[in-house]
Amino acid sequence: MQYRLRVLWWRARHRIKKFVEPAIGSLAVLLLRTVRLLNRARAANWAGAWLRRIGPWLPEHRIGRANLAAAFPEKSPDEIDKILGGTWDNLGRVAVEFAFLDRFRVLLPGEPGPADGVYDEVELRRFEEICAAPRPTAFFAAHLANWELPALAAARFGVDLSLLYRAPTVPAIANAVIDIRKNCMGTLVRSGFDAPFRLAHALERGGHVGMLVDQHESRGVDVTFFGRTCKANPLLAQLARHTNCFVRGFRVVRLPDGNHFWGEVTDPLDLPRDSEGRVDIQGAMQAITRVIEGWIREHPEQWLWLHRRWR
């Protein structure tokens, strides 16, 4: 009897999903197209302010509060509330900015503005070094500020980049995401069983790869993050071990006006190696996590505290 009920429930869910997902997808695509008709800065300001008010009523707010209290035990409740307000504000802005990714202006130093993202001469030289280096680079990034923008900048500066991404489950939304990203972000590599092979091949032919590395991965390696153990996806370190590529961090920081950014690329990390000279997977992911923690400590309100990074 219980088995039959489970089967009936599964069939009902499957049928409902067949009708609901297309409707959700169509609505999301329509909303995306509507947002693109608006002024980006005004729409982002509105979305940020709206989520500041709505966010505290959502269950993710409790997750964020617990994460912050554990990461910053020295901070008062008022300080944590202020950081969480900035987190919600940032998330609202990112939601709007996604519709405008193909319109963001990332300028080289000395080019006439206005610019949405700025890089100085130091970063320009680093990009030139990356493009001219005999070994490719694997870039890591985190859910800071607008985490889509590093890929835009890399493409703008001539970096041949293959970008790992996780597609939305609703097909209509996934197709809309690809349409926005495909002409401004290099080669998109959808996460899946073949993604590591495609990324490794890109590095072996001399291209570069990029990915976000600050989310929970149940089959990952243990790293220490804000004093607590969590799981990190070892893929980037495995690629470095396999191809001997450079590993660099890439971040953007949201400026005080909320609608402009500056970017930074790190020097290559000196990754720990084993007795045979190969990259140590766990040690490399710990080194990467340490860099990301430093970024977050500088601008805690710009990181996505609302997901369960520690399990």
C-alpha atoms as a PDB file:
ATOM      1  CA  MET A   1       0.000   0.000   0.000  1.00  0.00           C
ATOM      2  CA  GLN A   2       2.742   2.448   0.925  1.00  0.00           C
ATOM      3  CA  TYR A   3       4.601   1.566  -2.273  1.00  0.00           C
ATOM      4  CA  ARG A   4       1.501   2.288  -4.390  1.00  0.00           C
ATOM      5  CA  LEU A   5       1.013   5.621  -2.636  1.00  0.00           C
ATOM      6  CA  ARG A   6       4.615   6.584  -3.324  1.00  0.00           C
ATOM      7  CA  VAL A   7       4.217   5.655  -6.992  1.00  0.00           C
ATOM      8  CA  LEU A   8       0.999   7.671  -7.270  1.00  0.00           C
ATOM      9  CA  TRP A   9       2.666  10.647  -5.566  1.00  0.00           C
ATOM     10  CA  TRP A  10       5.662  10.458  -7.887  1.00  0.00           C
ATOM     11  CA  ARG A  11       3.395  10.313 -10.960  1.00  0.00           C
ATOM     12  CA  ALA A  12       1.342  13.257  -9.713  1.00  0.00           C
ATOM     13  CA  ARG A  13       4.484  15.318  -9.088  1.00  0.00           C
ATOM     14  CA  HIS A  14       5.813  14.434 -12.541  1.00  0.00           C
ATOM     15  CA  ARG A  15       2.581  15.522 -14.236  1.00  0.00           C
ATOM     16  CA  ILE A  16       2.392  18.748 -12.242  1.00  0.00           C
ATOM     17  CA  LYS A  17       6.039  19.476 -13.058  1.00  0.00           C
ATOM     18  CA  LYS A  18       5.351  19.040 -16.786  1.00  0.00           C
ATOM     19  CA  PHE A  19       2.802  21.877 -16.642  1.00  0.00           C
ATOM     20  CA  VAL A  20       4.287  24.107 -13.957  1.00  0.00           C
ATOM     21  CA  GLU A  21       7.908  24.282 -15.171  1.00  0.00           C
ATOM     22  CA  PRO A  22       7.080  25.693 -18.640  1.00  0.00           C
ATOM     23  CA  ALA A  23       4.823  28.298 -17.016  1.00  0.00           C
ATOM     24  CA  ILE A  24       7.536  29.292 -14.551  1.00  0.00           C
ATOM     25  CA  GLY A  25      10.071  29.412 -17.358  1.00  0.00           C
ATOM     26  CA  SER A  26       7.890  31.592 -19.572  1.00  0.00           C
ATOM     27  CA  LEU A  27       7.189  33.970 -16.688  1.00  0.00           C
ATOM     28  CA  ALA A  28      10.878  34.204 -15.798  1.00  0.00           C
ATOM     29  CA  VAL A  29      11.881  34.896 -19.398  1.00  0.00           C
ATOM     30  CA  LEU A  30       9.190  37.572 -19.693  1.00  0.00           C
ATOM     31  CA  LEU A  31      10.413  39.172 -16.466  1.00  0.00           C
ATOM     32  CA  LEU A  32      13.999  39.069 -17.717  1.00  0.00           C
ATOM     33  CA  ARG A  33      13.040  40.795 -20.958  1.00  0.00           C
ATOM     34  CA  THR A  34      11.014  43.405 -19.079  1.00  0.00           C
ATOM     35  CA  VAL A  35      13.894  44.214 -16.736  1.00  0.00           C
ATOM     36  CA  ARG A  36      16.156  44.769 -19.758  1.00  0.00           C
ATOM     37  CA  LEU A  37      13.887  47.660 -20.774  1.00  0.00           C
ATOM     38  CA  LEU A  38      14.599  49.497 -17.521  1.00  0.00           C
ATOM     39  CA  ASN A  39      17.478  51.655 -16.370  1.00  0.00           C
ATOM     40  CA  ARG A  40      19.935  49.241 -14.753  1.00  0.00           C
ATOM     41  CA  ALA A  41      21.059  51.453 -11.871  1.00  0.00           C
ATOM     42  CA  ARG A  42      17.543  52.501 -10.865  1.00  0.00           C
ATOM     43  CA  ALA A  43      16.220  48.944 -11.103  1.00  0.00           C
ATOM     44  CA  ALA A  44      19.159  47.595  -9.084  1.00  0.00           C
ATOM     45  CA  ASN A  45      18.693  50.270  -6.415  1.00  0.00           C
ATOM     46  CA  TRP A  46      15.024  49.342  -6.120  1.00  0.00           C
ATOM     47  CA  ALA A  47      15.707  45.584  -5.993  1.00  0.00           C
ATOM     48  CA  GLY A  48      18.409  46.029  -3.369  1.00  0.00           C
ATOM     49  CA  ALA A  49      16.161  48.152  -1.154  1.00  0.00           C
ATOM     50  CA  TRP A  50      13.250  45.747  -1.604  1.00  0.00           C
ATOM     51  CA  LEU A  51      15.280  42.693  -0.580  1.00  0.00           C
ATOM     52  CA  ARG A  52      16.672  44.548   2.431  1.00  0.00           C
ATOM     53  CA  ARG A  53      13.073  44.721   3.685  1.00  0.00           C
ATOM     54  CA  ILE A  54      11.848  41.302   2.564  1.00  0.00           C
ATOM     55  CA  GLY A  55      14.982  39.256   3.286  1.00  0.00           C
ATOM     56  CA  PRO A  56      14.696  39.184   7.098  1.00  0.00           C
ATOM     57  CA  TRP A  57      11.324  37.431   6.755  1.00  0.00           C
ATOM     58  CA  LEU A  58      12.757  34.581   4.665  1.00  0.00           C
ATOM     59  CA  PRO A  59      14.186  31.330   6.112  1.00  0.00           C
ATOM     60  CA  GLU A  60      17.574  32.009   4.491  1.00  0.00           C
ATOM     61  CA  HIS A  61      17.966  34.933   6.854  1.00  0.00           C
ATOM     62  CA  ARG A  62      18.292  32.536   9.792  1.00  0.00           C
ATOM     63  CA  ILE A  63      20.963  30.597   7.908  1.00  0.00           C
ATOM     64  CA  GLY A  64      22.864  33.803   7.224  1.00  0.00           C
ATOM     65  CA  ARG A  65      22.622  34.942  10.831  1.00  0.00           C
ATOM     66  CA  ALA A  66      23.918  31.597  12.128  1.00  0.00           C
ATOM     67  CA  ASN A  67      26.774  31.613   9.607  1.00  0.00           C
ATOM     68  CA  LEU A  68      27.819  35.142  10.531  1.00  0.00           C
ATOM     69  CA  ALA A  69      27.586  34.532  14.274  1.00  0.00           C
ATOM     70  CA  ALA A  70      29.889  31.532  13.921  1.00  0.00           C
ATOM     71  CA  ALA A  71      32.309  33.238  11.502  1.00  0.00           C
ATOM     72  CA  PHE A  72      32.498  36.495  13.496  1.00  0.00           C
ATOM     73  CA  PRO A  73      31.858  35.635  17.157  1.00  0.00           C
ATOM     74  CA  GLU A  74      33.292  39.012  18.150  1.00  0.00           C
ATOM     75  CA  LYS A  75      30.596  40.973  16.282  1.00  0.00           C
ATOM     76  CA  SER A  76      27.479  42.282  18.014  1.00  0.00           C
ATOM     77  CA  PRO A  77      23.933  41.416  16.844  1.00  0.00           C
ATOM     78  CA  ASP A  78      23.619  44.924  15.386  1.00  0.00           C
ATOM     79  CA  GLU A  79      26.821  44.460  13.375  1.00  0.00           C
ATOM     80  CA  ILE A  80      25.585  41.116  12.077  1.00  0.00           C
ATOM     81  CA  ASP A  81      22.241  42.670  11.117  1.00  0.00           C
ATOM     82  CA  LYS A  82      24.072  45.383   9.197  1.00  0.00           C
ATOM     83  CA  ILE A  83      26.127  42.805   7.273  1.00  0.00           C
ATOM     84  CA  LEU A  84      23.020  40.767   6.491  1.00  0.00           C
ATOM     85  CA  GLY A  85      21.260  43.886   5.228  1.00  0.00           C
ATOM     86  CA  GLY A  86      24.150  44.432   2.833  1.00  0.00           C
ATOM     87  CA  THR A  87      23.992  40.786   1.761  1.00  0.00           C
ATOM     88  CA  TRP A  88      20.328  41.078   0.837  1.00  0.00           C
ATOM     89  CA  ASP A  89      20.971  44.387  -0.912  1.00  0.00           C
ATOM     90  CA  ASN A  90      23.773  42.847  -2.940  1.00  0.00           C
ATOM     91  CA  LEU A  91      21.645  39.833  -3.904  1.00  0.00           C
ATOM     92  CA  GLY A  92      18.821  42.067  -5.124  1.00  0.00           C
ATOM     93  CA  ARG A  93      21.257  44.020  -7.257  1.00  0.00           C
ATOM     94  CA  VAL A  94      22.788  40.851  -8.711  1.00  0.00           C
ATOM     95  CA  ALA A  95      19.319  39.611  -9.715  1.00  0.00           C
ATOM     96  CA  VAL A  96      18.731  42.767 -11.762  1.00  0.00           C
ATOM     97  CA  GLU A  97      22.270  42.987 -13.115  1.00  0.00           C
ATOM     98  CA  PHE A  98      22.027  39.501 -14.554  1.00  0.00           C
ATOM     99  CA  ALA A  99      19.641  40.819 -17.202  1.00  0.00           C
ATOM    100  CA  PHE A 100      22.293  43.348 -18.313  1.00  0.00           C
ATOM    101  CA  LEU A 101      25.437  41.198 -18.373  1.00  0.00           C
ATOM    102  CA  ASP A 102      25.928  41.601 -22.103  1.00  0.00           C
ATOM    103  CA  ARG A 103      25.732  45.405 -21.702  1.00  0.00           C
ATOM    104  CA  PHE A 104      28.297  45.882 -18.939  1.00  0.00           C
ATOM    105  CA  ARG A 105      31.173  48.114 -19.993  1.00  0.00           C
ATOM    106  CA  VAL A 106      34.572  46.899 -18.806  1.00  0.00           C
ATOM    107  CA  LEU A 107      37.206  49.368 -19.964  1.00  0.00           C
ATOM    108  CA  LEU A 108      40.939  49.233 -20.353  1.00  0.00           C
ATOM    109  CA  PRO A 109      42.936  51.859 -18.452  1.00  0.00           C
ATOM    110  CA  GLY A 110      42.883  55.127 -20.379  1.00  0.00           C
ATOM    111  CA  GLU A 111      39.783  54.321 -22.441  1.00  0.00           C
ATOM    112  CA  PRO A 112      37.025  56.942 -22.302  1.00  0.00           C
ATOM    113  CA  GLY A 113      34.166  56.155 -19.922  1.00  0.00           C
ATOM    114  CA  PRO A 114      31.751  55.759 -18.452  1.00  0.00           C
ATOM    115  CA  ALA A 115      32.662  52.281 -17.251  1.00  0.00           C
ATOM    116  CA  ASP A 116      30.746  49.776 -15.135  1.00  0.00           C
ATOM    117  CA  GLY A 117      33.904  47.896 -14.172  1.00  0.00           C
ATOM    118  CA  VAL A 118      37.376  49.397 -13.813  1.00  0.00           C
ATOM    119  CA  TYR A 119      40.837  47.833 -13.721  1.00  0.00           C
ATOM    120  CA  ASP A 120      44.128  49.605 -13.152  1.00  0.00           C
ATOM    121  CA  GLU A 121      47.483  49.269 -14.912  1.00  0.00           C
ATOM    122  CA  VAL A 122      48.604  46.509 -12.546  1.00  0.00           C
ATOM    123  CA  GLU A 123      45.685  44.308 -13.515  1.00  0.00           C
ATOM    124  CA  LEU A 124      46.187  45.086 -17.194  1.00  0.00           C
ATOM    125  CA  ARG A 125      49.803  43.896 -16.948  1.00  0.00           C
ATOM    126  CA  ARG A 126      48.652  40.741 -15.193  1.00  0.00           C
ATOM    127  CA  PHE A 127      46.208  39.988 -17.988  1.00  0.00           C
ATOM    128  CA  GLU A 128      49.000  40.511 -20.513  1.00  0.00           C
ATOM    129  CA  GLU A 129      51.210  38.122 -18.529  1.00  0.00           C
ATOM    130  CA  ILE A 130      48.424  35.532 -18.422  1.00  0.00           C
ATOM    131  CA  CYS A 131      47.899  35.671 -22.188  1.00  0.00           C
ATOM    132  CA  ALA A 132      51.647  35.477 -22.914  1.00  0.00           C
ATOM    133  CA  ALA A 133      52.616  32.884 -20.294  1.00  0.00           C
ATOM    134  CA  PRO A 134      53.845  29.444 -21.418  1.00  0.00           C
ATOM    135  CA  ARG A 135      51.401  27.780 -19.013  1.00  0.00           C
ATOM    136  CA  PRO A 136      47.643  28.382 -18.851  1.00  0.00           C
ATOM    137  CA  THR A 137      45.769  29.608 -15.785  1.00  0.00           C
ATOM    138  CA  ALA A 138      42.889  28.178 -13.786  1.00  0.00           C
ATOM    139  CA  PHE A 139      40.957  31.054 -12.185  1.00  0.00           C
ATOM    140  CA  PHE A 140      38.929  30.673  -9.016  1.00  0.00           C
ATOM    141  CA  ALA A 141      36.230  33.088  -7.894  1.00  0.00           C
ATOM    142  CA  ALA A 142      33.638  33.319  -5.124  1.00  0.00           C
ATOM    143  CA  HIS A 143      30.056  34.519  -4.676  1.00  0.00           C
ATOM    144  CA  LEU A 144      31.191  38.067  -3.945  1.00  0.00           C
ATOM    145  CA  ALA A 145      29.636  41.299  -5.265  1.00  0.00           C
ATOM    146  CA  ASN A 146      28.446  40.262  -8.739  1.00  0.00           C
ATOM    147  CA  TRP A 147      30.200  36.932  -9.291  1.00  0.00           C
ATOM    148  CA  GLU A 148      29.329  36.895 -13.003  1.00  0.00           C
ATOM    149  CA  LEU A 149      31.592  39.847 -13.796  1.00  0.00           C
ATOM    150  CA  PRO A 150      35.071  38.257 -13.602  1.00  0.00           C
ATOM    151  CA  ALA A 151      34.244  36.198 -16.690  1.00  0.00           C
ATOM    152  CA  LEU A 152      33.159  39.353 -18.527  1.00  0.00           C
ATOM    153  CA  ALA A 153      36.440  41.069 -17.711  1.00  0.00           C
ATOM    154  CA  ALA A 154      38.516  38.063 -18.741  1.00  0.00           C
ATOM    155  CA  ALA A 155      36.815  37.982 -22.128  1.00  0.00           C
ATOM    156  CA  ARG A 156      37.208  41.760 -22.492  1.00  0.00           C
ATOM    157  CA  PHE A 157      40.950  41.508 -21.873  1.00  0.00           C
ATOM    158  CA  GLY A 158      41.414  38.783 -24.463  1.00  0.00           C
ATOM    159  CA  VAL A 159      41.672  35.739 -22.198  1.00  0.00           C
ATOM    160  CA  ASP A 160      40.603  32.511 -23.934  1.00  0.00           C
ATOM    161  CA  LEU A 161      38.374  31.303 -21.096  1.00  0.00           C
ATOM    162  CA  SER A 162      36.285  28.163 -20.614  1.00  0.00           C
ATOM    163  CA  LEU A 163      33.829  28.854 -17.813  1.00  0.00           C
ATOM    164  CA  LEU A 164      32.211  26.172 -15.666  1.00  0.00           C
ATOM    165  CA  TYR A 165      28.584  26.990 -14.835  1.00  0.00           C
ATOM    166  CA  ARG A 166      25.564  25.311 -13.299  1.00  0.00           C
ATOM    167  CA  ALA A 167      22.464  25.633 -15.475  1.00  0.00           C
ATOM    168  CA  PRO A 168      18.992  26.275 -14.018  1.00  0.00           C
ATOM    169  CA  THR A 169      16.772  23.185 -14.001  1.00  0.00           C
ATOM    170  CA  VAL A 170      13.936  24.886 -15.917  1.00  0.00           C
ATOM    171  CA  PRO A 171      14.803  24.628 -19.650  1.00  0.00           C
ATOM    172  CA  ALA A 172      13.355  28.009 -20.668  1.00  0.00           C
ATOM    173  CA  ILE A 173      15.362  29.789 -17.972  1.00  0.00           C
ATOM    174  CA  ALA A 174      18.499  27.811 -18.846  1.00  0.00           C
ATOM    175  CA  ASN A 175      18.194  28.828 -22.500  1.00  0.00           C
ATOM    176  CA  ALA A 176      17.706  32.482 -21.555  1.00  0.00           C
ATOM    177  CA  VAL A 177      20.778  32.336 -19.321  1.00  0.00           C
ATOM    178  CA  ILE A 178      22.877  30.914 -22.137  1.00  0.00           C
ATOM    179  CA  ASP A 179      21.620  33.556 -24.587  1.00  0.00           C
ATOM    180  CA  ILE A 180      22.797  36.332 -22.273  1.00  0.00           C
ATOM    181  CA  ARG A 181      26.126  34.726 -21.385  1.00  0.00           C
ATOM    182  CA  LYS A 182      27.238  33.179 -24.658  1.00  0.00           C
ATOM    183  CA  ASN A 183      28.404  36.352 -26.430  1.00  0.00           C
ATOM    184  CA  CYS A 184      30.263  37.933 -23.530  1.00  0.00           C
ATOM    185  CA  MET A 185      31.860  35.188 -21.416  1.00  0.00           C
ATOM    186  CA  GLY A 186      33.958  32.921 -23.578  1.00  0.00           C
ATOM    187  CA  THR A 187      33.196  29.204 -23.794  1.00  0.00           C
ATOM    188  CA  LEU A 188      30.503  27.975 -21.411  1.00  0.00           C
ATOM    189  CA  VAL A 189      30.996  24.501 -19.942  1.00  0.00           C
ATOM    190  CA  ARG A 190      27.909  23.116 -18.253  1.00  0.00           C
ATOM    191  CA  SER A 191      28.588  21.195 -15.048  1.00  0.00           C
ATOM    192  CA  GLY A 192      28.173  17.458 -15.525  1.00  0.00           C
ATOM    193  CA  PHE A 193      30.111  14.220 -15.798  1.00  0.00           C
ATOM    194  CA  ASP A 194      32.081  15.402 -18.839  1.00  0.00           C
ATOM    195  CA  ALA A 195      32.890  18.897 -17.526  1.00  0.00           C
ATOM    196  CA  PRO A 196      36.273  17.949 -15.945  1.00  0.00           C
ATOM    197  CA  PHE A 197      37.421  16.423 -19.230  1.00  0.00           C
ATOM    198  CA  ARG A 198      36.358  19.455 -21.239  1.00  0.00           C
ATOM    199  CA  LEU A 199      38.120  21.815 -18.831  1.00  0.00           C
ATOM    200  CA  ALA A 200      41.271  19.684 -18.818  1.00  0.00           C
ATOM    201  CA  HIS A 201      41.263  19.662 -22.614  1.00  0.00           C
ATOM    202  CA  ALA A 202      40.938  23.452 -22.672  1.00  0.00           C
ATOM    203  CA  LEU A 203      44.013  23.775 -20.441  1.00  0.00           C
ATOM    204  CA  GLU A 204      45.988  21.213 -22.444  1.00  0.00           C
ATOM    205  CA  ARG A 205      45.452  23.188 -25.659  1.00  0.00           C
ATOM    206  CA  GLY A 206      46.662  26.368 -23.929  1.00  0.00           C
ATOM    207  CA  GLY A 207      43.342  27.941 -22.974  1.00  0.00           C
ATOM    208  CA  HIS A 208      42.312  29.062 -19.507  1.00  0.00           C
ATOM    209  CA  VAL A 209      39.455  27.968 -17.243  1.00  0.00           C
ATOM    210  CA  GLY A 210      37.423  29.573 -14.482  1.00  0.00           C
ATOM    211  CA  MET A 211      34.983  28.449 -11.796  1.00  0.00           C
ATOM    212  CA  LEU A 212      33.341  29.377  -8.512  1.00  0.00           C
ATOM    213  CA  VAL A 213      34.746  27.336  -5.625  1.00  0.00           C
ATOM    214  CA  ASP A 214      33.031  28.554  -2.449  1.00  0.00           C
ATOM    215  CA  GLN A 215      29.993  26.272  -2.241  1.00  0.00           C
ATOM    216  CA  HIS A 216      29.436  23.007  -0.411  1.00  0.00           C
ATOM    217  CA  GLU A 217      30.452  19.850  -2.272  1.00  0.00           C
ATOM    218  CA  SER A 218      29.368  16.684  -0.488  1.00  0.00           C
ATOM    219  CA  ARG A 219      32.133  14.615  -2.097  1.00  0.00           C
ATOM    220  CA  GLY A 220      34.753  17.323  -1.715  1.00  0.00           C
ATOM    221  CA  VAL A 221      37.853  17.619   0.425  1.00  0.00           C
ATOM    222  CA  ASP A 222      37.914  19.042   3.941  1.00  0.00           C
ATOM    223  CA  VAL A 223      39.093  22.630   4.325  1.00  0.00           C
ATOM    224  CA  THR A 224      39.000  25.105   7.185  1.00  0.00           C
ATOM    225  CA  PHE A 225      36.899  28.177   6.485  1.00  0.00           C
ATOM    226  CA  PHE A 226      36.425  30.825   9.192  1.00  0.00           C
ATOM    227  CA  GLY A 227      37.680  28.323  11.757  1.00  0.00           C
ATOM    228  CA  ARG A 228      35.230  25.572  10.823  1.00  0.00           C
ATOM    229  CA  THR A 229      35.585  22.517   8.622  1.00  0.00           C
ATOM    230  CA  CYS A 230      33.608  22.351   5.407  1.00  0.00           C
ATOM    231  CA  LYS A 231      33.759  20.569   2.057  1.00  0.00           C
ATOM    232  CA  ALA A 232      35.305  22.140  -1.051  1.00  0.00           C
ATOM    233  CA  ASN A 233      35.074  20.946  -4.638  1.00  0.00           C
ATOM    234  CA  PRO A 234      38.586  19.707  -5.507  1.00  0.00           C
ATOM    235  CA  LEU A 235      38.173  20.054  -9.298  1.00  0.00           C
ATOM    236  CA  LEU A 236      40.319  23.149  -9.720  1.00  0.00           C
ATOM    237  CA  ALA A 237      43.181  21.616  -7.705  1.00  0.00           C
ATOM    238  CA  GLN A 238      42.842  18.366  -9.671  1.00  0.00           C
ATOM    239  CA  LEU A 239      43.150  20.299 -12.926  1.00  0.00           C
ATOM    240  CA  ALA A 240      46.257  22.048 -11.596  1.00  0.00           C
ATOM    241  CA  ARG A 241      47.755  18.710 -10.610  1.00  0.00           C
ATOM    242  CA  HIS A 242      46.957  17.171 -13.989  1.00  0.00           C
ATOM    243  CA  THR A 243      48.076  20.062 -16.235  1.00  0.00           C
ATOM    244  CA  ASN A 244      50.543  21.988 -14.009  1.00  0.00           C
ATOM    245  CA  CYS A 245      48.672  25.191 -14.824  1.00  0.00           C
ATOM    246  CA  PHE A 246      48.917  28.390 -12.810  1.00  0.00           C
ATOM    247  CA  VAL A 247      46.153  29.079 -10.289  1.00  0.00           C
ATOM    248  CA  ARG A 248      44.997  32.655  -9.722  1.00  0.00           C
ATOM    249  CA  GLY A 249      42.133  34.249  -7.858  1.00  0.00           C
ATOM    250  CA  PHE A 250      39.782  36.692  -9.578  1.00  0.00           C
ATOM    251  CA  ARG A 251      37.313  38.907  -7.751  1.00  0.00           C
ATOM    252  CA  VAL A 252      35.264  42.038  -8.186  1.00  0.00           C
ATOM    253  CA  VAL A 253      34.275  44.460  -5.416  1.00  0.00           C
ATOM    254  CA  ARG A 254      31.084  46.502  -5.484  1.00  0.00           C
ATOM    255  CA  LEU A 255      31.851  50.202  -5.037  1.00  0.00           C
ATOM    256  CA  PRO A 256      29.962  52.392  -2.513  1.00  0.00           C
ATOM    257  CA  ASP A 257      27.478  53.673  -5.114  1.00  0.00           C
ATOM    258  CA  GLY A 258      26.262  50.088  -5.510  1.00  0.00           C
ATOM    259  CA  ASN A 259      26.334  50.066  -9.318  1.00  0.00           C
ATOM    260  CA  HIS A 260      30.030  50.074 -10.237  1.00  0.00           C
ATOM    261  CA  PHE A 261      32.888  47.663  -9.590  1.00  0.00           C
ATOM    262  CA  TRP A 262      36.638  47.336  -9.515  1.00  0.00           C
ATOM    263  CA  GLY A 263      38.406  44.071 -10.189  1.00  0.00           C
ATOM    264  CA  GLU A 264      41.530  42.280  -9.058  1.00  0.00           C
ATOM    265  CA  VAL A 265      43.511  39.291 -10.277  1.00  0.00           C
ATOM    266  CA  THR A 266      45.986  37.725  -7.869  1.00  0.00           C
ATOM    267  CA  ASP A 267      49.504  36.581  -8.593  1.00  0.00           C
ATOM    268  CA  PRO A 268      49.812  32.821  -9.152  1.00  0.00           C
ATOM    269  CA  LEU A 269      49.393  30.921  -5.909  1.00  0.00           C
ATOM    270  CA  ASP A 270      52.338  28.938  -4.602  1.00  0.00           C
ATOM    271  CA  LEU A 271      50.464  25.674  -4.143  1.00  0.00           C
ATOM    272  CA  PRO A 272      51.668  22.960  -1.745  1.00  0.00           C
ATOM    273  CA  ARG A 273      53.065  19.843  -3.404  1.00  0.00           C
ATOM    274  CA  ASP A 274      53.680  16.270  -2.392  1.00  0.00           C
ATOM    275  CA  SER A 275      57.016  14.433  -2.239  1.00  0.00           C
ATOM    276  CA  GLU A 276      56.866  13.789  -5.988  1.00  0.00           C
ATOM    277  CA  GLY A 277      56.358  17.464  -6.801  1.00  0.00           C
ATOM    278  CA  ARG A 278      52.700  17.157  -7.746  1.00  0.00           C
ATOM    279  CA  VAL A 279      50.044  19.574  -6.511  1.00  0.00           C
ATOM    280  CA  ASP A 280      48.584  18.433  -3.196  1.00  0.00           C
ATOM    281  CA  ILE A 281      44.807  18.465  -3.716  1.00  0.00           C
ATOM    282  CA  GLN A 282      43.681  19.142  -0.160  1.00  0.00           C
ATOM    283  CA  GLY A 283      46.486  21.602   0.511  1.00  0.00           C
ATOM    284  CA  ALA A 284      45.758  23.495  -2.693  1.00  0.00           C
ATOM    285  CA  MET A 285      42.064  23.826  -1.875  1.00  0.00           C
ATOM    286  CA  GLN A 286      42.978  25.047   1.600  1.00  0.00           C
ATOM    287  CA  ALA A 287      45.253  27.717   0.083  1.00  0.00           C
ATOM    288  CA  ILE A 288      42.453  28.801  -2.262  1.00  0.00           C
ATOM    289  CA  THR A 289      39.917  28.861   0.581  1.00  0.00           C
ATOM    290  CA  ARG A 290      42.285  31.017   2.637  1.00  0.00           C
ATOM    291  CA  VAL A 291      42.380  33.626  -0.147  1.00  0.00           C
ATOM    292  CA  ILE A 292      38.595  33.641  -0.402  1.00  0.00           C
ATOM    293  CA  GLU A 293      38.236  34.045   3.356  1.00  0.00           C
ATOM    294  CA  GLY A 294      40.524  37.082   3.168  1.00  0.00           C
ATOM    295  CA  TRP A 295      38.352  38.606   0.455  1.00  0.00           C
ATOM    296  CA  ILE A 296      35.207  38.045   2.505  1.00  0.00           C
ATOM    297  CA  ARG A 297      36.711  39.575   5.628  1.00  0.00           C
ATOM    298  CA  GLU A 298      37.381  42.761   3.639  1.00  0.00           C
ATOM    299  CA  HIS A 299      33.770  43.051   2.419  1.00  0.00           C
ATOM    300  CA  PRO A 300      31.599  40.607   4.391  1.00  0.00           C
ATOM    301  CA  GLU A 301      28.358  42.228   3.263  1.00  0.00           C
ATOM    302  CA  GLN A 302      29.136  41.315  -0.349  1.00  0.00           C
ATOM    303  CA  TRP A 303      29.354  37.543   0.176  1.00  0.00           C
ATOM    304  CA  LEU A 304      26.401  35.141  -0.094  1.00  0.00           C
ATOM    305  CA  TRP A 305      25.997  34.126   3.558  1.00  0.00           C
ATOM    306  CA  LEU A 306      22.528  32.742   2.865  1.00  0.00           C
ATOM    307  CA  HIS A 307      23.516  29.218   1.812  1.00  0.00           C
ATOM    308  CA  ARG A 308      24.608  26.344   4.033  1.00  0.00           C
ATOM    309  CA  ARG A 309      28.370  26.443   3.445  1.00  0.00           C
ATOM    310  CA  TRP A 310      28.988  24.384   6.597  1.00  0.00           C
ATOM    311  CA  ARG A 311      27.078  21.098   6.922  1.00  0.00           C
END
